[in-house]
């Protein structure tokens, strides 16, 4: 395996693992319908930080990072909307 293959392999591995950290929270939120223990600030910062990563990834043509940033932005936005709707009902 050469350096470029290793770089791609670790880029995809990091992107997959980093993206997966949001999946358990999404599943739990949808199962329990409880979002009061989620930090809105953390979710907003996740969107903002990953938007910056997305711009960086697009400028550097880093496909694994593009995919990761986009998925985390989408999952964070879903959690923000879900949190807002759940807490508005209470």
C-alpha atoms as a PDB file:
ATOM      1  CA  UNK A   1       0.000   0.000   0.000  1.00  0.00           C
ATOM      2  CA  UNK A   2       1.439   3.341  -0.991  1.00  0.00           C
ATOM      3  CA  UNK A   3       1.056   6.668   0.828  1.00  0.00           C
ATOM      4  CA  UNK A   4      -1.879   7.855  -1.290  1.00  0.00           C
ATOM      5  CA  UNK A   5      -3.835   4.640  -0.718  1.00  0.00           C
ATOM      6  CA  UNK A   6      -3.171   4.846   3.023  1.00  0.00           C
ATOM      7  CA  UNK A   7      -4.265   8.487   3.038  1.00  0.00           C
ATOM      8  CA  UNK A   8      -7.544   7.605   1.317  1.00  0.00           C
ATOM      9  CA  UNK A   9      -8.114   4.580   3.554  1.00  0.00           C
ATOM     10  CA  UNK A  10      -7.628   6.553   6.765  1.00  0.00           C
ATOM     11  CA  UNK A  11      -9.624   9.483   5.367  1.00  0.00           C
ATOM     12  CA  UNK A  12     -12.618   7.243   4.713  1.00  0.00           C
ATOM     13  CA  UNK A  13     -12.206   5.400   8.019  1.00  0.00           C
ATOM     14  CA  UNK A  14     -12.077   8.677   9.964  1.00  0.00           C
ATOM     15  CA  UNK A  15     -15.095  10.022   8.075  1.00  0.00           C
ATOM     16  CA  UNK A  16     -17.161   6.902   8.723  1.00  0.00           C
ATOM     17  CA  UNK A  17     -16.311   6.739  12.425  1.00  0.00           C
ATOM     18  CA  UNK A  18     -16.813  10.476  12.955  1.00  0.00           C
ATOM     19  CA  UNK A  19     -20.169  10.397  11.210  1.00  0.00           C
ATOM     20  CA  UNK A  20     -21.328   7.349  13.172  1.00  0.00           C
ATOM     21  CA  UNK A  21     -21.027   9.213  16.493  1.00  0.00           C
ATOM     22  CA  UNK A  22     -24.333  10.960  15.725  1.00  0.00           C
ATOM     23  CA  UNK A  23     -26.292   7.809  14.836  1.00  0.00           C
ATOM     24  CA  UNK A  24     -26.867   6.516  18.410  1.00  0.00           C
ATOM     25  CA  UNK A  25     -28.132   9.946  19.489  1.00  0.00           C
ATOM     26  CA  UNK A  26     -30.507  10.124  16.530  1.00  0.00           C
ATOM     27  CA  UNK A  27     -31.858   6.639  17.237  1.00  0.00           C
ATOM     28  CA  UNK A  28     -32.292   7.383  20.948  1.00  0.00           C
ATOM     29  CA  UNK A  29     -34.032  10.692  20.285  1.00  0.00           C
ATOM     30  CA  UNK A  30     -36.491   9.129  17.856  1.00  0.00           C
ATOM     31  CA  UNK A  31     -37.185   6.111  20.094  1.00  0.00           C
ATOM     32  CA  UNK A  32     -37.655   7.999  23.352  1.00  0.00           C
ATOM     33  CA  UNK A  33     -38.938  11.304  21.915  1.00  0.00           C
ATOM     34  CA  UNK A  34     -36.746  12.908  24.593  1.00  0.00           C
ATOM     35  CA  UNK A  35     -34.350  15.659  23.595  1.00  0.00           C
ATOM     36  CA  UNK A  36     -34.154  17.825  26.709  1.00  0.00           C
ATOM     37  CA  UNK A  37     -30.721  16.419  27.577  1.00  0.00           C
ATOM     38  CA  UNK A  38     -29.317  17.409  24.163  1.00  0.00           C
ATOM     39  CA  UNK A  39     -27.371  20.644  24.103  1.00  0.00           C
ATOM     40  CA  UNK A  40     -28.698  23.016  21.437  1.00  0.00           C
ATOM     41  CA  UNK A  41     -25.380  24.882  21.531  1.00  0.00           C
ATOM     42  CA  UNK A  42     -23.475  21.662  20.762  1.00  0.00           C
ATOM     43  CA  UNK A  43     -25.745  20.959  17.804  1.00  0.00           C
ATOM     44  CA  UNK A  44     -25.433  24.504  16.440  1.00  0.00           C
ATOM     45  CA  UNK A  45     -21.648  24.405  16.839  1.00  0.00           C
ATOM     46  CA  UNK A  46     -21.575  21.011  15.085  1.00  0.00           C
ATOM     47  CA  UNK A  47     -23.410  22.532  12.099  1.00  0.00           C
ATOM     48  CA  UNK A  48     -21.170  25.604  12.007  1.00  0.00           C
ATOM     49  CA  UNK A  49     -17.928  23.652  12.453  1.00  0.00           C
ATOM     50  CA  UNK A  50     -18.851  21.082   9.837  1.00  0.00           C
ATOM     51  CA  UNK A  51     -19.947  23.811   7.425  1.00  0.00           C
ATOM     52  CA  UNK A  52     -16.398  25.163   7.695  1.00  0.00           C
ATOM     53  CA  UNK A  53     -14.983  21.651   7.205  1.00  0.00           C
ATOM     54  CA  UNK A  54     -17.226  21.271   4.162  1.00  0.00           C
ATOM     55  CA  UNK A  55     -15.877  24.463   2.581  1.00  0.00           C
ATOM     56  CA  UNK A  56     -12.305  23.354   3.343  1.00  0.00           C
ATOM     57  CA  UNK A  57     -12.996  19.889   1.912  1.00  0.00           C
ATOM     58  CA  UNK A  58     -14.563  21.310  -1.243  1.00  0.00           C
ATOM     59  CA  UNK A  59     -11.596  23.638  -1.764  1.00  0.00           C
ATOM     60  CA  UNK A  60      -9.141  20.766  -1.297  1.00  0.00           C
ATOM     61  CA  UNK A  61     -11.268  18.151  -3.128  1.00  0.00           C
ATOM     62  CA  UNK A  62     -11.213  15.859  -0.093  1.00  0.00           C
ATOM     63  CA  UNK A  63     -14.094  13.473  -0.832  1.00  0.00           C
ATOM     64  CA  UNK A  64     -14.121  11.614   2.512  1.00  0.00           C
ATOM     65  CA  UNK A  65     -14.301  14.911   4.392  1.00  0.00           C
ATOM     66  CA  UNK A  66     -16.984  16.265   2.045  1.00  0.00           C
ATOM     67  CA  UNK A  67     -19.180  13.230   2.725  1.00  0.00           C
ATOM     68  CA  UNK A  68     -18.535  13.325   6.478  1.00  0.00           C
ATOM     69  CA  UNK A  69     -19.208  17.052   6.859  1.00  0.00           C
ATOM     70  CA  UNK A  70     -22.406  16.875   4.818  1.00  0.00           C
ATOM     71  CA  UNK A  71     -23.774  13.910   6.759  1.00  0.00           C
ATOM     72  CA  UNK A  72     -22.981  15.477  10.138  1.00  0.00           C
ATOM     73  CA  UNK A  73     -24.630  18.742   9.064  1.00  0.00           C
ATOM     74  CA  UNK A  74     -27.769  16.847   8.012  1.00  0.00           C
ATOM     75  CA  UNK A  75     -27.893  14.736  11.194  1.00  0.00           C
ATOM     76  CA  UNK A  76     -27.298  17.810  13.381  1.00  0.00           C
ATOM     77  CA  UNK A  77     -30.049  19.714  11.601  1.00  0.00           C
ATOM     78  CA  UNK A  78     -32.447  16.776  12.063  1.00  0.00           C
ATOM     79  CA  UNK A  79     -31.653  16.762  15.793  1.00  0.00           C
ATOM     80  CA  UNK A  80     -32.087  20.551  16.017  1.00  0.00           C
ATOM     81  CA  UNK A  81     -35.506  20.369  14.341  1.00  0.00           C
ATOM     82  CA  UNK A  82     -36.538  17.372  16.433  1.00  0.00           C
ATOM     83  CA  UNK A  83     -35.374  19.081  19.650  1.00  0.00           C
ATOM     84  CA  UNK A  84     -37.191  22.298  18.763  1.00  0.00           C
ATOM     85  CA  UNK A  85     -40.456  20.489  17.968  1.00  0.00           C
ATOM     86  CA  UNK A  86     -40.290  18.273  21.078  1.00  0.00           C
ATOM     87  CA  UNK A  87     -39.517  21.082  23.480  1.00  0.00           C
ATOM     88  CA  UNK A  88     -42.138  23.377  21.969  1.00  0.00           C
ATOM     89  CA  UNK A  89     -44.831  20.845  22.907  1.00  0.00           C
ATOM     90  CA  UNK A  90     -43.860  20.856  26.589  1.00  0.00           C
END
